PDB file of all heavy atoms in Angstrom:
ATOM      1  N   ARG A   1       3.702   8.325  -7.918  1.00  0.00           N
ATOM      2  CA  ARG A   1       3.147   7.153  -7.303  1.00  0.00           C
ATOM      3  C   ARG A   1       2.665   7.430  -5.846  1.00  0.00           C
ATOM      4  O   ARG A   1       2.003   6.570  -5.246  1.00  0.00           O
ATOM      5  CB  ARG A   1       4.229   6.031  -7.240  1.00  0.00           C
ATOM      6  CG  ARG A   1       4.741   5.690  -8.611  1.00  0.00           C
ATOM      7  CD  ARG A   1       5.865   4.718  -8.480  1.00  0.00           C
ATOM      8  NE  ARG A   1       7.053   5.390  -7.830  1.00  0.00           N
ATOM      9  CZ  ARG A   1       7.897   4.824  -6.991  1.00  0.00           C
ATOM     10  NH1 ARG A   1       7.802   3.467  -6.700  1.00  0.00           N
ATOM     11  NH2 ARG A   1       8.900   5.489  -6.507  1.00  0.00           N
ATOM     12  N   GLN A   2       2.909   8.570  -5.293  1.00  0.00           N
ATOM     13  CA  GLN A   2       2.535   8.821  -3.883  1.00  0.00           C
ATOM     14  C   GLN A   2       1.132   8.616  -3.565  1.00  0.00           C
ATOM     15  O   GLN A   2       0.823   7.947  -2.532  1.00  0.00           O
ATOM     16  CB  GLN A   2       3.022  10.222  -3.438  1.00  0.00           C
ATOM     17  CG  GLN A   2       4.463  10.428  -3.453  1.00  0.00           C
ATOM     18  CD  GLN A   2       4.946  11.814  -3.181  1.00  0.00           C
ATOM     19  OE1 GLN A   2       4.197  12.760  -3.343  1.00  0.00           O
ATOM     20  NE2 GLN A   2       6.167  12.007  -2.793  1.00  0.00           N
ATOM     21  N   MET A   3       0.201   9.084  -4.252  1.00  0.00           N
ATOM     22  CA  MET A   3      -1.233   8.971  -3.976  1.00  0.00           C
ATOM     23  C   MET A   3      -1.686   7.573  -4.212  1.00  0.00           C
ATOM     24  O   MET A   3      -2.607   7.111  -3.418  1.00  0.00           O
ATOM     25  CB  MET A   3      -1.995   9.997  -4.832  1.00  0.00           C
ATOM     26  CG  MET A   3      -1.792  11.430  -4.401  1.00  0.00           C
ATOM     27  SD  MET A   3      -2.175  11.775  -2.686  1.00  0.00           S
ATOM     28  CE  MET A   3      -0.493  12.273  -2.122  1.00  0.00           C
ATOM     29  N   VAL A   4      -1.119   6.841  -5.128  1.00  0.00           N
ATOM     30  CA  VAL A   4      -1.466   5.471  -5.377  1.00  0.00           C
ATOM     31  C   VAL A   4      -1.058   4.603  -4.121  1.00  0.00           C
ATOM     32  O   VAL A   4      -1.752   3.809  -3.584  1.00  0.00           O
ATOM     33  CB  VAL A   4      -0.848   4.879  -6.646  1.00  0.00           C
ATOM     34  CG1 VAL A   4      -1.058   3.401  -6.746  1.00  0.00           C
ATOM     35  CG2 VAL A   4      -1.393   5.566  -7.872  1.00  0.00           C
ATOM     36  N   VAL A   5       0.144   4.893  -3.635  1.00  0.00           N
ATOM     37  CA  VAL A   5       0.746   4.203  -2.443  1.00  0.00           C
ATOM     38  C   VAL A   5      -0.221   4.473  -1.261  1.00  0.00           C
ATOM     39  O   VAL A   5      -0.584   3.619  -0.526  1.00  0.00           O
ATOM     40  CB  VAL A   5       2.129   4.503  -2.143  1.00  0.00           C
ATOM     41  CG1 VAL A   5       2.601   4.058  -0.812  1.00  0.00           C
ATOM     42  CG2 VAL A   5       3.036   4.017  -3.270  1.00  0.00           C
ATOM     43  N   LEU A   6      -0.579   5.766  -1.067  1.00  0.00           N
ATOM     44  CA  LEU A   6      -1.412   6.087   0.049  1.00  0.00           C
ATOM     45  C   LEU A   6      -2.777   5.432  -0.079  1.00  0.00           C
ATOM     46  O   LEU A   6      -3.319   5.047   0.927  1.00  0.00           O
ATOM     47  CB  LEU A   6      -1.558   7.626   0.134  1.00  0.00           C
ATOM     48  CG  LEU A   6      -2.299   8.242   1.290  1.00  0.00           C
ATOM     49  CD1 LEU A   6      -1.673   7.843   2.582  1.00  0.00           C
ATOM     50  CD2 LEU A   6      -2.370   9.683   1.222  1.00  0.00           C
ATOM     51  N   ALA A   7      -3.335   5.328  -1.291  1.00  0.00           N
ATOM     52  CA  ALA A   7      -4.656   4.690  -1.466  1.00  0.00           C
ATOM     53  C   ALA A   7      -4.636   3.209  -1.061  1.00  0.00           C
ATOM     54  O   ALA A   7      -5.668   2.698  -0.732  1.00  0.00           O
ATOM     55  CB  ALA A   7      -5.085   4.902  -2.923  1.00  0.00           C
ATOM     56  N   LEU A   8      -3.477   2.609  -1.126  1.00  0.00           N
ATOM     57  CA  LEU A   8      -3.442   1.206  -0.724  1.00  0.00           C
ATOM     58  C   LEU A   8      -3.859   1.063   0.786  1.00  0.00           C
ATOM     59  O   LEU A   8      -4.293  -0.054   1.200  1.00  0.00           O
ATOM     60  CB  LEU A   8      -2.038   0.602  -0.923  1.00  0.00           C
ATOM     61  CG  LEU A   8      -1.632   0.363  -2.375  1.00  0.00           C
ATOM     62  CD1 LEU A   8      -0.184  -0.040  -2.493  1.00  0.00           C
ATOM     63  CD2 LEU A   8      -2.521  -0.631  -2.982  1.00  0.00           C
ATOM     64  N   GLY A   9      -3.741   2.055   1.569  1.00  0.00           N
ATOM     65  CA  GLY A   9      -4.221   2.074   2.961  1.00  0.00           C
ATOM     66  C   GLY A   9      -5.688   1.901   3.027  1.00  0.00           C
ATOM     67  O   GLY A   9      -6.202   1.621   4.142  1.00  0.00           O
ATOM     68  N   ASN A  10      -6.419   2.124   1.953  1.00  0.00           N
ATOM     69  CA  ASN A  10      -7.911   1.954   2.007  1.00  0.00           C
ATOM     70  C   ASN A  10      -8.409   0.629   1.538  1.00  0.00           C
ATOM     71  O   ASN A  10      -9.580   0.364   1.579  1.00  0.00           O
ATOM     72  CB  ASN A  10      -8.486   3.085   1.079  1.00  0.00           C
ATOM     73  CG  ASN A  10      -8.209   4.457   1.629  1.00  0.00           C
ATOM     74  OD1 ASN A  10      -8.211   4.662   2.868  1.00  0.00           O
ATOM     75  ND2 ASN A  10      -7.976   5.418   0.778  1.00  0.00           N
ATOM     76  N   VAL A  11      -7.456  -0.241   1.105  1.00  0.00           N
ATOM     77  CA  VAL A  11      -7.848  -1.599   0.638  1.00  0.00           C
ATOM     78  C   VAL A  11      -8.345  -2.435   1.773  1.00  0.00           C
ATOM     79  O   VAL A  11      -7.694  -2.567   2.862  1.00  0.00           O
ATOM     80  CB  VAL A  11      -6.669  -2.247  -0.026  1.00  0.00           C
ATOM     81  CG1 VAL A  11      -6.972  -3.732  -0.419  1.00  0.00           C
ATOM     82  CG2 VAL A  11      -6.227  -1.484  -1.277  1.00  0.00           C
ATOM     83  N   LYS A  12      -9.508  -2.998   1.604  1.00  0.00           N
ATOM     84  CA  LYS A  12     -10.167  -3.766   2.642  1.00  0.00           C
ATOM     85  C   LYS A  12     -10.139  -5.263   2.409  1.00  0.00           C
ATOM     86  O   LYS A  12     -10.061  -6.131   3.329  1.00  0.00           O
ATOM     87  CB  LYS A  12     -11.596  -3.341   2.936  1.00  0.00           C
ATOM     88  CG  LYS A  12     -11.741  -1.902   3.197  1.00  0.00           C
ATOM     89  CD  LYS A  12     -11.145  -1.603   4.559  1.00  0.00           C
ATOM     90  CE  LYS A  12     -11.371  -0.123   4.886  1.00  0.00           C
ATOM     91  NZ  LYS A  12     -10.420   0.480   5.761  1.00  0.00           N
ATOM     92  N   HIS A  13     -10.182  -5.729   1.175  1.00  0.00           N
ATOM     93  CA  HIS A  13     -10.281  -7.107   0.820  1.00  0.00           C
ATOM     94  C   HIS A  13      -9.022  -7.899   0.597  1.00  0.00           C
ATOM     95  O   HIS A  13      -8.923  -9.053   0.856  1.00  0.00           O
ATOM     96  CB  HIS A  13     -11.302  -7.270  -0.399  1.00  0.00           C
ATOM     97  CG  HIS A  13     -12.600  -6.724  -0.142  1.00  0.00           C
ATOM     98  ND1 HIS A  13     -13.548  -7.260   0.721  1.00  0.00           N
ATOM     99  CD2 HIS A  13     -13.268  -5.587  -0.605  1.00  0.00           C
ATOM    100  CE1 HIS A  13     -14.646  -6.529   0.810  1.00  0.00           C
ATOM    101  NE2 HIS A  13     -14.482  -5.497  -0.008  1.00  0.00           N
ATOM    102  N   ASN A  14      -8.053  -7.241   0.048  1.00  0.00           N
ATOM    103  CA  ASN A  14      -6.725  -7.893  -0.108  1.00  0.00           C
ATOM    104  C   ASN A  14      -5.707  -7.014   0.679  1.00  0.00           C
ATOM    105  O   ASN A  14      -5.603  -5.860   0.553  1.00  0.00           O
ATOM    106  CB  ASN A  14      -6.322  -7.811  -1.604  1.00  0.00           C
ATOM    107  CG  ASN A  14      -7.290  -8.696  -2.429  1.00  0.00           C
ATOM    108  OD1 ASN A  14      -7.647  -9.760  -1.999  1.00  0.00           O
ATOM    109  ND2 ASN A  14      -7.659  -8.151  -3.584  1.00  0.00           N
ATOM    110  N   ASP A  15      -5.010  -7.734   1.478  1.00  0.00           N
ATOM    111  CA  ASP A  15      -4.002  -7.034   2.405  1.00  0.00           C
ATOM    112  C   ASP A  15      -2.777  -6.604   1.577  1.00  0.00           C
ATOM    113  O   ASP A  15      -2.008  -7.441   1.071  1.00  0.00           O
ATOM    114  CB  ASP A  15      -3.564  -7.987   3.470  1.00  0.00           C
ATOM    115  CG  ASP A  15      -2.645  -7.374   4.477  1.00  0.00           C
ATOM    116  OD1 ASP A  15      -2.343  -6.211   4.377  1.00  0.00           O
ATOM    117  OD2 ASP A  15      -2.160  -8.096   5.359  1.00  0.00           O
ATOM    118  N   PRO A  16      -2.599  -5.258   1.460  1.00  0.00           N
ATOM    119  CA  PRO A  16      -1.461  -4.775   0.632  1.00  0.00           C
ATOM    120  C   PRO A  16      -0.158  -4.688   1.475  1.00  0.00           C
ATOM    121  O   PRO A  16       0.769  -3.973   0.979  1.00  0.00           O
ATOM    122  CB  PRO A  16      -1.974  -3.448   0.160  1.00  0.00           C
ATOM    123  CG  PRO A  16      -2.832  -2.947   1.260  1.00  0.00           C
ATOM    124  CD  PRO A  16      -3.513  -4.265   1.757  1.00  0.00           C
ATOM    125  N   THR A  17      -0.140  -5.113   2.728  1.00  0.00           N
ATOM    126  CA  THR A  17       1.030  -4.923   3.585  1.00  0.00           C
ATOM    127  C   THR A  17       2.294  -5.400   2.901  1.00  0.00           C
ATOM    128  O   THR A  17       3.338  -4.694   2.986  1.00  0.00           O
ATOM    129  CB  THR A  17       0.839  -5.689   4.845  1.00  0.00           C
ATOM    130  OG1 THR A  17      -0.354  -5.163   5.565  1.00  0.00           O
ATOM    131  CG2 THR A  17       1.977  -5.517   5.818  1.00  0.00           C
ATOM    132  N   ASP A  18       2.348  -6.525   2.193  1.00  0.00           N
ATOM    133  CA  ASP A  18       3.537  -7.041   1.624  1.00  0.00           C
ATOM    134  C   ASP A  18       3.980  -6.189   0.391  1.00  0.00           C
ATOM    135  O   ASP A  18       5.155  -6.257   0.069  1.00  0.00           O
ATOM    136  CB  ASP A  18       3.333  -8.441   1.113  1.00  0.00           C
ATOM    137  CG  ASP A  18       3.188  -9.490   2.324  1.00  0.00           C
ATOM    138  OD1 ASP A  18       3.712  -9.195   3.414  1.00  0.00           O
ATOM    139  OD2 ASP A  18       2.515 -10.499   2.115  1.00  0.00           O
ATOM    140  N   VAL A  19       3.071  -5.385  -0.136  1.00  0.00           N
ATOM    141  CA  VAL A  19       3.437  -4.490  -1.183  1.00  0.00           C
ATOM    142  C   VAL A  19       4.004  -3.197  -0.561  1.00  0.00           C
ATOM    143  O   VAL A  19       4.972  -2.641  -1.125  1.00  0.00           O
ATOM    144  CB  VAL A  19       2.227  -4.174  -2.086  1.00  0.00           C
ATOM    145  CG1 VAL A  19       2.517  -3.056  -3.101  1.00  0.00           C
ATOM    146  CG2 VAL A  19       1.710  -5.357  -2.787  1.00  0.00           C
ATOM    147  N   LEU A  20       3.448  -2.792   0.522  1.00  0.00           N
ATOM    148  CA  LEU A  20       3.837  -1.506   1.093  1.00  0.00           C
ATOM    149  C   LEU A  20       5.158  -1.588   1.878  1.00  0.00           C
ATOM    150  O   LEU A  20       5.931  -0.640   1.880  1.00  0.00           O
ATOM    151  CB  LEU A  20       2.726  -1.083   2.174  1.00  0.00           C
ATOM    152  CG  LEU A  20       1.474  -0.603   1.446  1.00  0.00           C
ATOM    153  CD1 LEU A  20       0.341  -0.453   2.428  1.00  0.00           C
ATOM    154  CD2 LEU A  20       1.677   0.776   0.779  1.00  0.00           C
ATOM    155  N   ILE A  21       5.504  -2.620   2.538  1.00  0.00           N
ATOM    156  CA  ILE A  21       6.695  -2.738   3.334  1.00  0.00           C
ATOM    157  C   ILE A  21       7.967  -2.420   2.506  1.00  0.00           C
ATOM    158  O   ILE A  21       8.787  -1.642   2.932  1.00  0.00           O
ATOM    159  CB  ILE A  21       6.805  -4.115   4.103  1.00  0.00           C
ATOM    160  CG1 ILE A  21       5.770  -4.100   5.259  1.00  0.00           C
ATOM    161  CG2 ILE A  21       8.195  -4.377   4.660  1.00  0.00           C
ATOM    162  CD1 ILE A  21       5.607  -5.438   5.926  1.00  0.00           C
ATOM    163  N   PRO A  22       8.144  -3.058   1.336  1.00  0.00           N
ATOM    164  CA  PRO A  22       9.305  -2.659   0.579  1.00  0.00           C
ATOM    165  C   PRO A  22       9.432  -1.184   0.154  1.00  0.00           C
ATOM    166  O   PRO A  22      10.460  -0.643  -0.099  1.00  0.00           O
ATOM    167  CB  PRO A  22       9.298  -3.601  -0.718  1.00  0.00           C
ATOM    168  CG  PRO A  22       8.373  -4.731  -0.307  1.00  0.00           C
ATOM    169  CD  PRO A  22       7.361  -4.163   0.685  1.00  0.00           C
ATOM    170  N   LEU A  23       8.228  -0.523   0.041  1.00  0.00           N
ATOM    171  CA  LEU A  23       8.210   0.849  -0.339  1.00  0.00           C
ATOM    172  C   LEU A  23       8.665   1.742   0.768  1.00  0.00           C
ATOM    173  O   LEU A  23       8.934   2.930   0.564  1.00  0.00           O
ATOM    174  CB  LEU A  23       6.790   1.228  -0.729  1.00  0.00           C
ATOM    175  CG  LEU A  23       6.232   0.484  -2.035  1.00  0.00           C
ATOM    176  CD1 LEU A  23       4.800   0.939  -2.301  1.00  0.00           C
ATOM    177  CD2 LEU A  23       7.164   0.821  -3.198  1.00  0.00           C
ATOM    178  N   LEU A  24       8.886   1.242   1.938  1.00  0.00           N
ATOM    179  CA  LEU A  24       9.453   2.010   3.033  1.00  0.00           C
ATOM    180  C   LEU A  24      10.887   2.400   2.744  1.00  0.00           C
ATOM    181  O   LEU A  24      11.465   3.318   3.435  1.00  0.00           O
ATOM    182  CB  LEU A  24       9.338   1.249   4.394  1.00  0.00           C
ATOM    183  CG  LEU A  24       7.972   1.030   4.911  1.00  0.00           C
ATOM    184  CD1 LEU A  24       7.970   0.108   6.102  1.00  0.00           C
ATOM    185  CD2 LEU A  24       7.220   2.353   5.235  1.00  0.00           C
ATOM    186  N   ASP A  25      11.501   1.760   1.858  1.00  0.00           N
ATOM    187  CA  ASP A  25      12.890   2.044   1.400  1.00  0.00           C
ATOM    188  C   ASP A  25      12.969   2.858   0.177  1.00  0.00           C
ATOM    189  O   ASP A  25      14.025   3.182  -0.338  1.00  0.00           O
ATOM    190  CB  ASP A  25      13.682   0.754   1.261  1.00  0.00           C
ATOM    191  CG  ASP A  25      13.905  -0.009   2.570  1.00  0.00           C
ATOM    192  OD1 ASP A  25      14.055   0.649   3.589  1.00  0.00           O
ATOM    193  OD2 ASP A  25      13.790  -1.261   2.561  1.00  0.00           O
TER     194      ASP A  25
END
């Protein structure tokens, strides 16, 4: 899943922050 998670940093139209924060754990 690593590259998929990293690719979320390129999303411009929908903010993926709420998806990424839990992945910090």
